[in-house]
Amino acid sequence: MNHLTKWLAAATFFVVTSAPIANSVSATPLNKPVVASCQADGATVEVAIEAFKAVTGKSPMNEQALTAKGAYLLRWPKNSPFYSFSLEKNGALRVEVPAGSEPKPFTKAACLAAGEVHSATDWGKRSAQISACKSDASVVQTAIQAFIAVNNAPPSSQAQLTSANFGGPYLTNWPSHQSHYSFSLTSRGILMITAPSTSKARKYHDGLCNFAG
């Protein structure tokens, strides 16, 4: 192991092992320790990526390429529920805020949203809303698939799923928890979620339920 690799391993050990401490910090309008942790973890991975390129002459294709035998990273950083990282096949670093959500290119600015994710204490209080959100989404997704099986096409509106027409109803009512989250359907049958209720609608995936409440 050369000096650069040893330095990377030591730096990564410090950043990755210390990052979860931010979970215990109470949420404020912006949880600055979480933001700093995300930015530091991302910067460490970027250094590891460049070191990998310098040694191998190519980009790492996955996380394992950097963590194998602790050559460049002792372990892959993650600080759930606040953020997580992933690597594209071309070696581009992506960040998921909150952890498990849709990945986007890593920048320090992208980590700012991590400071808006609920703290560990607040997280427990909102677990019911998050579970309900995922459960409601699962029910709607099942209804969409049932509609497609019968009609050979996706539903173009929420009304088509709750109507007695089209072989339905597939839902007795459309789920709504306006104070925490809401769902909508595009004309192409794509499930959208608004969470929290003051945000804009986005294509649904489970990670977005972390913002419910």
N, C-alpha and C. Protein backbone atom coordinates (compact mmCIF):
# COMPACT_ATOMS: atom_id res chain seq x y z
N MET A 1 0.86 -1.19 0.00
CA MET A 1 0.00 0.00 0.00
C MET A 1 0.89 1.23 0.00
N ASN A 2 0.74 2.14 -1.01
CA ASN A 2 1.59 3.31 -1.08
C ASN A 2 1.09 4.39 -0.12
N HIS A 3 1.84 5.52 -0.06
CA HIS A 3 1.51 6.56 0.90
C HIS A 3 0.15 7.19 0.62
N LEU A 4 -0.16 7.39 -0.65
CA LEU A 4 -1.45 7.99 -1.00
C LEU A 4 -2.59 7.11 -0.56
N THR A 5 -2.43 5.81 -0.80
CA THR A 5 -3.49 4.87 -0.41
C THR A 5 -3.66 4.83 1.10
N LYS A 6 -2.54 4.83 1.84
CA LYS A 6 -2.62 4.82 3.30
C LYS A 6 -3.32 6.08 3.81
N TRP A 7 -3.01 7.21 3.16
CA TRP A 7 -3.64 8.45 3.59
C TRP A 7 -5.13 8.41 3.33
N LEU A 8 -5.50 7.90 2.16
CA LEU A 8 -6.92 7.79 1.81
C LEU A 8 -7.66 6.92 2.81
N ALA A 9 -7.06 5.79 3.15
CA ALA A 9 -7.71 4.87 4.08
C ALA A 9 -7.89 5.52 5.44
N ALA A 10 -6.87 6.22 5.91
CA ALA A 10 -6.96 6.86 7.21
C ALA A 10 -8.00 7.97 7.21
N ALA A 11 -8.00 8.78 6.14
CA ALA A 11 -8.95 9.89 6.05
C ALA A 11 -10.37 9.38 5.95
N THR A 12 -10.55 8.32 5.16
CA THR A 12 -11.88 7.75 4.98
C THR A 12 -12.39 7.15 6.27
N PHE A 13 -11.50 6.50 7.01
CA PHE A 13 -11.91 5.89 8.28
C PHE A 13 -12.44 6.96 9.22
N PHE A 14 -11.74 8.11 9.25
CA PHE A 14 -12.18 9.18 10.13
C PHE A 14 -13.52 9.76 9.71
N VAL A 15 -13.66 10.05 8.41
CA VAL A 15 -14.89 10.69 7.92
C VAL A 15 -16.07 9.76 8.02
N VAL A 16 -15.89 8.51 7.55
CA VAL A 16 -17.02 7.58 7.48
C VAL A 16 -17.47 7.15 8.86
N THR A 17 -16.50 6.91 9.77
CA THR A 17 -16.90 6.44 11.08
C THR A 17 -17.46 7.56 11.94
N SER A 18 -17.03 8.79 11.67
CA SER A 18 -17.53 9.89 12.49
C SER A 18 -18.84 10.46 11.97
N ALA A 19 -19.16 10.25 10.67
CA ALA A 19 -20.33 10.87 10.06
C ALA A 19 -21.63 10.54 10.76
N PRO A 20 -21.90 9.26 11.17
CA PRO A 20 -23.20 8.97 11.77
C PRO A 20 -23.49 9.73 13.05
N ILE A 21 -22.47 10.35 13.66
CA ILE A 21 -22.71 11.11 14.87
C ILE A 21 -23.76 12.18 14.63
N ALA A 22 -23.84 12.65 13.35
CA ALA A 22 -24.79 13.70 13.02
C ALA A 22 -26.22 13.27 13.25
N ASN A 23 -26.48 11.95 13.30
CA ASN A 23 -27.82 11.46 13.52
C ASN A 23 -28.39 11.93 14.85
N SER A 24 -27.53 12.20 15.83
CA SER A 24 -28.00 12.54 17.16
C SER A 24 -28.24 14.04 17.33
N VAL A 25 -27.96 14.81 16.27
CA VAL A 25 -28.12 16.25 16.37
C VAL A 25 -29.56 16.62 16.07
N SER A 26 -30.15 17.44 16.91
CA SER A 26 -31.53 17.84 16.71
C SER A 26 -31.64 18.69 15.47
N ALA A 27 -32.75 18.53 14.75
CA ALA A 27 -32.97 19.26 13.52
C ALA A 27 -33.24 20.72 13.81
N THR A 28 -32.66 21.61 13.04
CA THR A 28 -32.94 23.03 13.03
C THR A 28 -33.39 23.33 11.61
N PRO A 29 -33.62 24.60 11.24
CA PRO A 29 -33.97 24.86 9.85
C PRO A 29 -32.99 24.22 8.86
N LEU A 30 -31.72 24.13 9.23
CA LEU A 30 -30.75 23.42 8.42
C LEU A 30 -29.80 22.70 9.35
N ASN A 31 -29.76 21.38 9.27
CA ASN A 31 -28.92 20.58 10.15
C ASN A 31 -27.49 20.63 9.60
N LYS A 32 -26.72 21.62 10.04
CA LYS A 32 -25.40 21.88 9.47
C LYS A 32 -24.42 20.72 9.64
N PRO A 33 -24.41 20.01 10.78
CA PRO A 33 -23.49 18.87 10.90
C PRO A 33 -23.74 17.79 9.85
N VAL A 34 -25.01 17.55 9.52
CA VAL A 34 -25.33 16.55 8.50
C VAL A 34 -24.84 17.01 7.14
N VAL A 35 -25.04 18.29 6.83
CA VAL A 35 -24.57 18.84 5.56
C VAL A 35 -23.05 18.71 5.46
N ALA A 36 -22.34 19.08 6.52
CA ALA A 36 -20.88 19.00 6.52
C ALA A 36 -20.41 17.56 6.37
N SER A 37 -21.11 16.64 7.02
CA SER A 37 -20.75 15.23 6.94
C SER A 37 -20.92 14.71 5.52
N CYS A 38 -22.04 15.06 4.90
CA CYS A 38 -22.29 14.65 3.51
C CYS A 38 -21.22 15.19 2.58
N GLN A 39 -20.90 16.46 2.73
CA GLN A 39 -19.89 17.08 1.87
C GLN A 39 -18.52 16.45 2.07
N ALA A 40 -18.16 16.16 3.33
CA ALA A 40 -16.86 15.55 3.62
C ALA A 40 -16.78 14.14 3.07
N ASP A 41 -17.85 13.36 3.24
CA ASP A 41 -17.87 11.99 2.72
C ASP A 41 -17.75 12.00 1.20
N GLY A 42 -18.50 12.90 0.56
CA GLY A 42 -18.45 12.97 -0.90
C GLY A 42 -17.06 13.36 -1.39
N ALA A 43 -16.44 14.33 -0.71
CA ALA A 43 -15.09 14.76 -1.10
C ALA A 43 -14.09 13.63 -0.95
N THR A 44 -14.23 12.82 0.10
CA THR A 44 -13.34 11.69 0.32
C THR A 44 -13.46 10.66 -0.79
N VAL A 45 -14.71 10.39 -1.19
CA VAL A 45 -14.91 9.44 -2.29
C VAL A 45 -14.32 9.99 -3.59
N GLU A 46 -14.48 11.28 -3.82
CA GLU A 46 -13.91 11.89 -5.03
C GLU A 46 -12.39 11.74 -5.08
N VAL A 47 -11.75 11.92 -3.93
CA VAL A 47 -10.29 11.73 -3.87
C VAL A 47 -9.93 10.28 -4.16
N ALA A 48 -10.72 9.34 -3.63
CA ALA A 48 -10.48 7.93 -3.87
C ALA A 48 -10.65 7.59 -5.35
N ILE A 49 -11.64 8.20 -5.99
CA ILE A 49 -11.87 7.98 -7.42
C ILE A 49 -10.66 8.44 -8.23
N GLU A 50 -10.14 9.62 -7.91
CA GLU A 50 -8.98 10.15 -8.63
C GLU A 50 -7.74 9.29 -8.38
N ALA A 51 -7.60 8.78 -7.16
CA ALA A 51 -6.47 7.90 -6.86
C ALA A 51 -6.57 6.61 -7.67
N PHE A 52 -7.78 6.08 -7.77
CA PHE A 52 -8.01 4.86 -8.56
C PHE A 52 -7.62 5.10 -10.02
N LYS A 53 -8.02 6.25 -10.55
CA LYS A 53 -7.69 6.59 -11.94
C LYS A 53 -6.18 6.69 -12.13
N ALA A 54 -5.50 7.31 -11.14
CA ALA A 54 -4.06 7.50 -11.25
C ALA A 54 -3.32 6.17 -11.26
N VAL A 55 -3.82 5.20 -10.51
CA VAL A 55 -3.16 3.90 -10.40
C VAL A 55 -3.51 2.98 -11.55
N THR A 56 -4.79 2.95 -11.94
CA THR A 56 -5.26 1.98 -12.94
C THR A 56 -5.40 2.54 -14.35
N GLY A 57 -5.46 3.87 -14.45
CA GLY A 57 -5.64 4.47 -15.76
C GLY A 57 -7.08 4.44 -16.26
N LYS A 58 -8.01 4.08 -15.40
CA LYS A 58 -9.43 4.05 -15.78
C LYS A 58 -10.29 4.41 -14.57
N SER A 59 -11.57 4.63 -14.83
CA SER A 59 -12.50 4.99 -13.76
C SER A 59 -13.05 3.75 -13.08
N PRO A 60 -13.31 3.83 -11.78
CA PRO A 60 -13.94 2.69 -11.09
C PRO A 60 -15.36 2.51 -11.59
N MET A 61 -15.78 1.25 -11.82
CA MET A 61 -17.11 0.99 -12.36
C MET A 61 -18.16 0.80 -11.28
N ASN A 62 -17.72 0.60 -10.03
CA ASN A 62 -18.66 0.42 -8.94
C ASN A 62 -17.97 0.68 -7.62
N GLU A 63 -18.77 0.66 -6.56
CA GLU A 63 -18.23 0.93 -5.23
C GLU A 63 -17.20 -0.09 -4.81
N GLN A 64 -17.42 -1.36 -5.21
CA GLN A 64 -16.52 -2.44 -4.81
C GLN A 64 -15.10 -2.22 -5.33
N ALA A 65 -14.99 -1.55 -6.45
CA ALA A 65 -13.66 -1.29 -7.01
C ALA A 65 -12.84 -0.41 -6.07
N LEU A 66 -13.50 0.41 -5.29
CA LEU A 66 -12.80 1.31 -4.37
C LEU A 66 -12.61 0.72 -2.98
N THR A 67 -13.52 -0.19 -2.60
CA THR A 67 -13.47 -0.72 -1.24
C THR A 67 -12.82 -2.10 -1.15
N ALA A 68 -12.55 -2.76 -2.27
CA ALA A 68 -11.93 -4.09 -2.25
C ALA A 68 -10.61 -4.06 -1.49
N LYS A 69 -10.54 -4.85 -0.43
CA LYS A 69 -9.35 -4.97 0.40
C LYS A 69 -8.94 -3.62 1.01
N GLY A 70 -9.88 -2.68 1.06
CA GLY A 70 -9.59 -1.38 1.65
C GLY A 70 -8.55 -0.58 0.90
N ALA A 71 -8.42 -0.86 -0.41
CA ALA A 71 -7.36 -0.23 -1.18
C ALA A 71 -7.50 1.29 -1.27
N TYR A 72 -8.72 1.76 -1.49
CA TYR A 72 -8.94 3.19 -1.64
C TYR A 72 -9.92 3.75 -0.59
N LEU A 73 -10.87 2.92 -0.18
CA LEU A 73 -11.81 3.28 0.88
C LEU A 73 -11.97 2.07 1.80
N LEU A 74 -11.99 2.32 3.10
CA LEU A 74 -12.21 1.21 4.03
C LEU A 74 -13.62 0.67 3.89
N ARG A 75 -14.58 1.55 3.71
CA ARG A 75 -15.96 1.15 3.45
C ARG A 75 -16.70 2.31 2.80
N TRP A 76 -17.80 1.98 2.16
CA TRP A 76 -18.56 2.98 1.42
C TRP A 76 -19.38 3.82 2.40
N PRO A 77 -19.29 5.16 2.30
CA PRO A 77 -19.99 6.02 3.26
C PRO A 77 -21.50 6.04 3.05
N LYS A 78 -22.23 6.03 4.15
CA LYS A 78 -23.68 6.15 4.13
C LYS A 78 -24.12 6.65 5.50
N ASN A 79 -25.05 7.56 5.53
CA ASN A 79 -25.54 8.11 6.78
C ASN A 79 -27.07 8.18 6.71
N SER A 80 -27.69 7.01 6.81
CA SER A 80 -29.14 6.91 6.70
C SER A 80 -29.80 7.46 7.96
N PRO A 81 -30.91 8.17 7.85
CA PRO A 81 -31.72 8.38 6.64
C PRO A 81 -31.34 9.61 5.85
N PHE A 82 -30.24 10.27 6.23
CA PHE A 82 -29.93 11.57 5.65
C PHE A 82 -29.42 11.50 4.21
N TYR A 83 -28.46 10.64 3.93
CA TYR A 83 -27.91 10.58 2.57
C TYR A 83 -27.18 9.27 2.34
N SER A 84 -26.95 8.96 1.08
CA SER A 84 -26.11 7.83 0.69
C SER A 84 -25.50 8.16 -0.67
N PHE A 85 -24.50 7.39 -1.06
CA PHE A 85 -23.80 7.62 -2.32
C PHE A 85 -23.87 6.39 -3.21
N SER A 86 -23.73 6.61 -4.50
CA SER A 86 -23.63 5.51 -5.45
C SER A 86 -22.67 5.93 -6.55
N LEU A 87 -22.25 4.96 -7.34
CA LEU A 87 -21.26 5.22 -8.38
C LEU A 87 -21.78 4.68 -9.71
N GLU A 88 -21.73 5.50 -10.74
CA GLU A 88 -22.13 5.05 -12.07
C GLU A 88 -20.97 4.29 -12.71
N LYS A 89 -21.27 3.57 -13.79
CA LYS A 89 -20.25 2.75 -14.44
C LYS A 89 -19.11 3.59 -15.03
N ASN A 90 -19.38 4.87 -15.29
CA ASN A 90 -18.32 5.74 -15.81
C ASN A 90 -17.52 6.41 -14.69
N GLY A 91 -17.79 5.99 -13.44
CA GLY A 91 -17.05 6.53 -12.31
C GLY A 91 -17.61 7.81 -11.74
N ALA A 92 -18.76 8.26 -12.24
CA ALA A 92 -19.36 9.50 -11.73
C ALA A 92 -20.02 9.25 -10.38
N LEU A 93 -19.74 10.11 -9.43
CA LEU A 93 -20.30 9.98 -8.09
C LEU A 93 -21.69 10.59 -8.02
N ARG A 94 -22.62 9.85 -7.42
CA ARG A 94 -23.99 10.31 -7.26
C ARG A 94 -24.33 10.33 -5.77
N VAL A 95 -25.20 11.25 -5.40
CA VAL A 95 -25.64 11.34 -4.01
C VAL A 95 -27.15 11.20 -3.95
N GLU A 96 -27.63 10.50 -2.93
CA GLU A 96 -29.06 10.29 -2.73
C GLU A 96 -29.46 10.99 -1.43
N VAL A 97 -30.31 11.97 -1.54
CA VAL A 97 -30.78 12.74 -0.39
C VAL A 97 -32.31 12.81 -0.44
N PRO A 98 -33.00 12.12 0.50
CA PRO A 98 -32.48 11.29 1.59
C PRO A 98 -31.96 9.95 1.07
N ALA A 99 -31.36 9.15 1.93
CA ALA A 99 -30.83 7.86 1.52
C ALA A 99 -31.93 7.02 0.89
N GLY A 100 -31.61 6.43 -0.25
CA GLY A 100 -32.57 5.58 -0.93
C GLY A 100 -33.42 6.30 -1.96
N SER A 101 -33.26 7.61 -2.09
CA SER A 101 -34.04 8.37 -3.06
C SER A 101 -33.33 8.37 -4.41
N GLU A 102 -33.88 9.11 -5.35
CA GLU A 102 -33.31 9.15 -6.70
C GLU A 102 -31.93 9.82 -6.67
N PRO A 103 -30.90 9.17 -7.20
CA PRO A 103 -29.55 9.75 -7.15
C PRO A 103 -29.39 10.92 -8.10
N LYS A 104 -28.54 11.86 -7.71
CA LYS A 104 -28.21 13.00 -8.55
C LYS A 104 -26.71 13.23 -8.47
N PRO A 105 -26.11 13.95 -9.43
CA PRO A 105 -24.67 14.18 -9.40
C PRO A 105 -24.23 14.83 -8.08
N PHE A 106 -23.14 14.34 -7.52
CA PHE A 106 -22.67 14.88 -6.25
C PHE A 106 -22.06 16.25 -6.44
N THR A 107 -22.53 17.19 -5.64
CA THR A 107 -21.92 18.50 -5.48
C THR A 107 -22.11 18.87 -4.00
N LYS A 108 -21.34 19.80 -3.53
CA LYS A 108 -21.52 20.23 -2.15
C LYS A 108 -22.90 20.84 -1.96
N ALA A 109 -23.39 21.51 -3.00
CA ALA A 109 -24.72 22.11 -2.91
C ALA A 109 -25.81 21.06 -2.78
N ALA A 110 -25.60 19.90 -3.43
CA ALA A 110 -26.60 18.83 -3.35
C ALA A 110 -26.77 18.32 -1.93
N CYS A 111 -25.72 18.46 -1.13
CA CYS A 111 -25.76 17.99 0.27
C CYS A 111 -26.59 18.90 1.16
N LEU A 112 -26.91 20.08 0.70
CA LEU A 112 -27.68 21.01 1.54
C LEU A 112 -29.03 20.41 1.90
N ALA A 113 -29.61 19.65 0.97
CA ALA A 113 -30.92 19.05 1.23
C ALA A 113 -30.85 18.02 2.35
N ALA A 114 -29.66 17.44 2.57
CA ALA A 114 -29.52 16.45 3.64
C ALA A 114 -29.80 17.08 5.00
N GLY A 115 -29.52 18.36 5.13
CA GLY A 115 -29.77 19.06 6.38
C GLY A 115 -31.23 19.33 6.64
N GLU A 116 -32.07 19.06 5.63
CA GLU A 116 -33.51 19.28 5.79
C GLU A 116 -34.25 17.98 6.09
N VAL A 117 -33.54 16.84 6.03
CA VAL A 117 -34.15 15.56 6.36
C VAL A 117 -34.34 15.49 7.87
N HIS A 118 -35.40 14.88 8.31
CA HIS A 118 -35.71 14.85 9.73
C HIS A 118 -34.58 14.21 10.55
N SER A 119 -34.33 14.74 11.74
CA SER A 119 -33.34 14.19 12.64
C SER A 119 -33.80 12.83 13.16
N ALA A 120 -32.90 12.12 13.83
CA ALA A 120 -33.23 10.79 14.33
C ALA A 120 -34.41 10.83 15.30
N THR A 121 -34.43 11.86 16.18
CA THR A 121 -35.53 11.98 17.14
C THR A 121 -36.84 12.26 16.43
N ASP A 122 -36.79 13.23 15.53
CA ASP A 122 -37.99 13.59 14.77
C ASP A 122 -38.41 12.45 13.86
N TRP A 123 -37.41 11.68 13.41
CA TRP A 123 -37.66 10.55 12.52
C TRP A 123 -38.61 9.55 13.16
N GLY A 124 -38.40 9.27 14.44
CA GLY A 124 -39.26 8.33 15.13
C GLY A 124 -40.69 8.82 15.20
N LYS A 125 -40.86 10.12 15.41
CA LYS A 125 -42.19 10.71 15.49
C LYS A 125 -42.93 10.62 14.17
N ARG A 126 -42.18 10.62 13.06
CA ARG A 126 -42.81 10.64 11.75
C ARG A 126 -42.87 9.25 11.10
N SER A 127 -42.44 8.24 11.81
CA SER A 127 -42.39 6.90 11.21
C SER A 127 -43.76 6.40 10.76
N ALA A 128 -44.80 6.80 11.48
CA ALA A 128 -46.15 6.38 11.11
C ALA A 128 -46.55 6.96 9.76
N GLN A 129 -46.24 8.26 9.54
CA GLN A 129 -46.56 8.88 8.27
C GLN A 129 -45.78 8.26 7.12
N ILE A 130 -44.51 7.96 7.39
CA ILE A 130 -43.66 7.37 6.36
C ILE A 130 -44.16 5.99 5.97
N SER A 131 -44.50 5.18 6.98
CA SER A 131 -45.03 3.83 6.72
C SER A 131 -46.35 3.90 5.97
N ALA A 132 -47.22 4.84 6.38
CA ALA A 132 -48.51 5.00 5.71
C ALA A 132 -48.31 5.42 4.27
N CYS A 133 -47.37 6.31 4.04
CA CYS A 133 -47.07 6.78 2.69
C CYS A 133 -46.67 5.62 1.79
N LYS A 134 -45.74 4.79 2.26
CA LYS A 134 -45.27 3.66 1.46
C LYS A 134 -46.39 2.63 1.25
N SER A 135 -47.21 2.44 2.27
CA SER A 135 -48.32 1.49 2.17
C SER A 135 -49.35 1.97 1.15
N ASP A 136 -49.70 3.26 1.22
CA ASP A 136 -50.66 3.82 0.26
C ASP A 136 -50.13 3.73 -1.16
N ALA A 137 -48.85 4.03 -1.33
CA ALA A 137 -48.25 3.96 -2.66
C ALA A 137 -48.29 2.54 -3.21
N SER A 138 -48.01 1.57 -2.35
CA SER A 138 -48.04 0.18 -2.77
C SER A 138 -49.43 -0.24 -3.23
N VAL A 139 -50.47 0.23 -2.52
CA VAL A 139 -51.85 -0.08 -2.89
C VAL A 139 -52.18 0.51 -4.25
N VAL A 140 -51.76 1.75 -4.47
CA VAL A 140 -52.03 2.40 -5.75
C VAL A 140 -51.27 1.72 -6.88
N GLN A 141 -50.02 1.37 -6.64
CA GLN A 141 -49.23 0.70 -7.67
C GLN A 141 -49.83 -0.65 -8.05
N THR A 142 -50.36 -1.37 -7.05
CA THR A 142 -51.02 -2.64 -7.33
C THR A 142 -52.27 -2.41 -8.17
N ALA A 143 -53.02 -1.35 -7.86
CA ALA A 143 -54.22 -1.02 -8.62
C ALA A 143 -53.87 -0.67 -10.06
N ILE A 144 -52.78 0.06 -10.24
CA ILE A 144 -52.34 0.43 -11.59
C ILE A 144 -52.02 -0.82 -12.41
N GLN A 145 -51.30 -1.75 -11.81
CA GLN A 145 -50.95 -2.98 -12.51
C GLN A 145 -52.18 -3.81 -12.84
N ALA A 146 -53.16 -3.84 -11.92
CA ALA A 146 -54.39 -4.58 -12.17
C ALA A 146 -55.16 -3.94 -13.32
N PHE A 147 -55.19 -2.62 -13.36
CA PHE A 147 -55.86 -1.90 -14.44
C PHE A 147 -55.21 -2.24 -15.78
N ILE A 148 -53.89 -2.23 -15.82
CA ILE A 148 -53.17 -2.54 -17.05
C ILE A 148 -53.46 -3.97 -17.51
N ALA A 149 -53.54 -4.91 -16.56
CA ALA A 149 -53.80 -6.31 -16.90
C ALA A 149 -55.16 -6.48 -17.56
N VAL A 150 -56.13 -5.69 -17.13
CA VAL A 150 -57.49 -5.80 -17.67
C VAL A 150 -57.66 -5.00 -18.95
N ASN A 151 -57.07 -3.81 -19.00
CA ASN A 151 -57.32 -2.88 -20.10
C ASN A 151 -56.19 -2.79 -21.12
N ASN A 152 -55.09 -3.47 -20.86
CA ASN A 152 -53.93 -3.45 -21.77
C ASN A 152 -53.40 -2.03 -22.00
N ALA A 153 -53.62 -1.17 -21.05
CA ALA A 153 -53.13 0.21 -21.10
C ALA A 153 -53.17 0.77 -19.69
N PRO A 154 -52.29 1.72 -19.39
CA PRO A 154 -52.29 2.31 -18.04
C PRO A 154 -53.46 3.26 -17.86
N PRO A 155 -53.88 3.49 -16.62
CA PRO A 155 -54.94 4.47 -16.37
C PRO A 155 -54.43 5.88 -16.66
N SER A 156 -55.31 6.72 -17.19
CA SER A 156 -54.92 8.09 -17.53
C SER A 156 -55.34 9.09 -16.47
N SER A 157 -56.03 8.62 -15.43
CA SER A 157 -56.46 9.52 -14.36
C SER A 157 -56.75 8.72 -13.10
N GLN A 158 -56.81 9.41 -11.98
CA GLN A 158 -57.14 8.76 -10.72
C GLN A 158 -58.57 8.22 -10.78
N ALA A 159 -59.45 8.95 -11.44
CA ALA A 159 -60.86 8.57 -11.51
C ALA A 159 -61.05 7.20 -12.16
N GLN A 160 -60.19 6.85 -13.10
CA GLN A 160 -60.31 5.56 -13.76
C GLN A 160 -60.04 4.40 -12.81
N LEU A 161 -59.27 4.64 -11.77
CA LEU A 161 -58.98 3.58 -10.81
C LEU A 161 -60.09 3.43 -9.76
N THR A 162 -60.80 4.49 -9.52
CA THR A 162 -61.88 4.43 -8.51
C THR A 162 -63.26 4.25 -9.13
N SER A 163 -63.30 4.30 -10.47
CA SER A 163 -64.59 4.17 -11.17
C SER A 163 -65.01 2.72 -11.31
N ALA A 164 -66.32 2.50 -11.46
CA ALA A 164 -66.84 1.15 -11.71
C ALA A 164 -66.64 0.75 -13.16
N ASN A 165 -66.21 1.69 -13.98
CA ASN A 165 -65.92 1.40 -15.38
C ASN A 165 -64.53 0.78 -15.51
N PHE A 166 -64.17 0.39 -16.71
CA PHE A 166 -62.84 -0.16 -17.02
C PHE A 166 -62.54 -1.43 -16.22
N GLY A 167 -63.61 -2.14 -15.82
CA GLY A 167 -63.38 -3.37 -15.08
C GLY A 167 -63.16 -3.15 -13.60
N GLY A 168 -63.37 -1.92 -13.14
CA GLY A 168 -63.09 -1.58 -11.75
C GLY A 168 -64.31 -1.66 -10.85
N PRO A 169 -64.23 -1.04 -9.69
CA PRO A 169 -63.13 -0.17 -9.25
C PRO A 169 -61.91 -0.95 -8.77
N TYR A 170 -60.76 -0.32 -8.95
CA TYR A 170 -59.50 -0.92 -8.51
C TYR A 170 -59.07 -0.35 -7.15
N LEU A 171 -59.68 0.81 -6.81
CA LEU A 171 -59.47 1.44 -5.52
C LEU A 171 -60.84 1.91 -5.00
N THR A 172 -61.09 1.73 -3.72
CA THR A 172 -62.34 2.23 -3.16
C THR A 172 -62.29 3.75 -3.03
N ASN A 173 -61.10 4.29 -2.78
CA ASN A 173 -60.92 5.74 -2.75
C ASN A 173 -59.44 6.05 -2.97
N TRP A 174 -59.19 7.26 -3.36
CA TRP A 174 -57.80 7.68 -3.62
C TRP A 174 -57.15 8.12 -2.31
N PRO A 175 -56.01 7.53 -1.95
CA PRO A 175 -55.38 7.86 -0.66
C PRO A 175 -54.91 9.31 -0.61
N SER A 176 -55.13 9.94 0.51
CA SER A 176 -54.71 11.33 0.66
C SER A 176 -54.47 11.65 2.14
N HIS A 177 -53.34 12.21 2.41
CA HIS A 177 -53.00 12.71 3.75
C HIS A 177 -52.41 14.10 3.52
N GLN A 178 -53.28 15.04 3.19
CA GLN A 178 -52.86 16.33 2.69
C GLN A 178 -51.83 17.04 3.58
N SER A 179 -51.93 16.86 4.90
CA SER A 179 -50.99 17.56 5.77
C SER A 179 -49.59 16.96 5.74
N HIS A 180 -49.46 15.74 5.19
CA HIS A 180 -48.16 15.07 5.15
C HIS A 180 -47.69 14.73 3.74
N TYR A 181 -48.60 14.23 2.90
CA TYR A 181 -48.24 13.84 1.53
C TYR A 181 -49.51 13.63 0.72
N SER A 182 -49.35 13.61 -0.59
CA SER A 182 -50.47 13.31 -1.48
C SER A 182 -49.94 12.67 -2.75
N PHE A 183 -50.81 11.96 -3.44
CA PHE A 183 -50.45 11.29 -4.68
C PHE A 183 -51.27 11.84 -5.84
N SER A 184 -50.71 11.72 -7.02
CA SER A 184 -51.43 12.07 -8.24
C SER A 184 -50.98 11.13 -9.35
N LEU A 185 -51.67 11.17 -10.46
CA LEU A 185 -51.38 10.26 -11.57
C LEU A 185 -51.27 11.07 -12.85
N THR A 186 -50.23 10.80 -13.63
CA THR A 186 -50.10 11.50 -14.91
C THR A 186 -51.00 10.82 -15.93
N SER A 187 -51.15 11.45 -17.08
CA SER A 187 -51.99 10.89 -18.14
C SER A 187 -51.41 9.60 -18.70
N ARG A 188 -50.16 9.30 -18.36
CA ARG A 188 -49.51 8.06 -18.81
C ARG A 188 -49.48 7.00 -17.72
N GLY A 189 -50.21 7.26 -16.63
CA GLY A 189 -50.31 6.27 -15.57
C GLY A 189 -49.13 6.22 -14.64
N ILE A 190 -48.35 7.29 -14.59
CA ILE A 190 -47.18 7.35 -13.71
C ILE A 190 -47.59 7.94 -12.36
N LEU A 191 -47.26 7.23 -11.30
CA LEU A 191 -47.61 7.69 -9.96
C LEU A 191 -46.67 8.80 -9.51
N MET A 192 -47.25 9.91 -9.04
CA MET A 192 -46.48 11.06 -8.56
C MET A 192 -46.78 11.26 -7.09
N ILE A 193 -45.82 11.82 -6.39
CA ILE A 193 -45.99 12.10 -4.96
C ILE A 193 -45.60 13.54 -4.66
N THR A 194 -46.33 14.15 -3.75
CA THR A 194 -45.99 15.46 -3.23
C THR A 194 -45.73 15.28 -1.74
N ALA A 195 -44.48 15.37 -1.35
CA ALA A 195 -44.10 15.17 0.06
C ALA A 195 -42.86 16.00 0.36
N PRO A 196 -42.96 16.92 1.32
CA PRO A 196 -44.15 17.26 2.09
C PRO A 196 -45.20 17.93 1.22
N SER A 197 -46.31 18.26 1.82
CA SER A 197 -47.44 18.76 1.05
C SER A 197 -47.18 20.10 0.38
N THR A 198 -46.14 20.80 0.83
CA THR A 198 -45.81 22.11 0.26
C THR A 198 -44.84 22.01 -0.92
N SER A 199 -44.34 20.81 -1.21
CA SER A 199 -43.37 20.65 -2.29
C SER A 199 -44.07 20.42 -3.62
N LYS A 200 -43.29 20.25 -4.68
CA LYS A 200 -43.87 19.97 -5.98
C LYS A 200 -43.93 18.46 -6.21
N ALA A 201 -44.81 18.03 -7.11
CA ALA A 201 -44.99 16.61 -7.38
C ALA A 201 -43.77 16.04 -8.10
N ARG A 202 -43.35 14.85 -7.68
CA ARG A 202 -42.24 14.15 -8.30
C ARG A 202 -42.62 12.69 -8.55
N LYS A 203 -41.95 12.07 -9.49
CA LYS A 203 -42.22 10.66 -9.78
C LYS A 203 -41.94 9.83 -8.53
N TYR A 204 -42.90 8.97 -8.19
CA TYR A 204 -42.81 8.26 -6.91
C TYR A 204 -41.67 7.24 -6.86
N HIS A 205 -40.97 7.23 -5.73
CA HIS A 205 -40.15 6.11 -5.30
C HIS A 205 -40.15 6.14 -3.78
N ASP A 206 -39.89 5.00 -3.15
CA ASP A 206 -40.04 4.88 -1.71
C ASP A 206 -39.27 5.95 -0.92
N GLY A 207 -38.10 6.33 -1.41
CA GLY A 207 -37.29 7.27 -0.68
C GLY A 207 -37.97 8.62 -0.45
N LEU A 208 -38.89 8.99 -1.33
CA LEU A 208 -39.55 10.29 -1.20
C LEU A 208 -40.54 10.31 -0.04
N CYS A 209 -40.96 9.13 0.42
CA CYS A 209 -41.83 9.08 1.60
C CYS A 209 -41.10 9.53 2.86
N ASN A 210 -39.77 9.56 2.81
CA ASN A 210 -39.00 10.03 3.95
C ASN A 210 -39.27 11.51 4.23
N PHE A 211 -39.80 12.22 3.25
CA PHE A 211 -40.10 13.64 3.42
C PHE A 211 -41.53 13.85 3.92
N ALA A 212 -42.31 12.77 4.05
CA ALA A 212 -43.70 12.90 4.50
C ALA A 212 -43.73 13.51 5.89
N GLY A 213 -44.60 14.46 6.10
CA GLY A 213 -44.70 15.10 7.40
C GLY A 213 -44.09 16.47 7.41
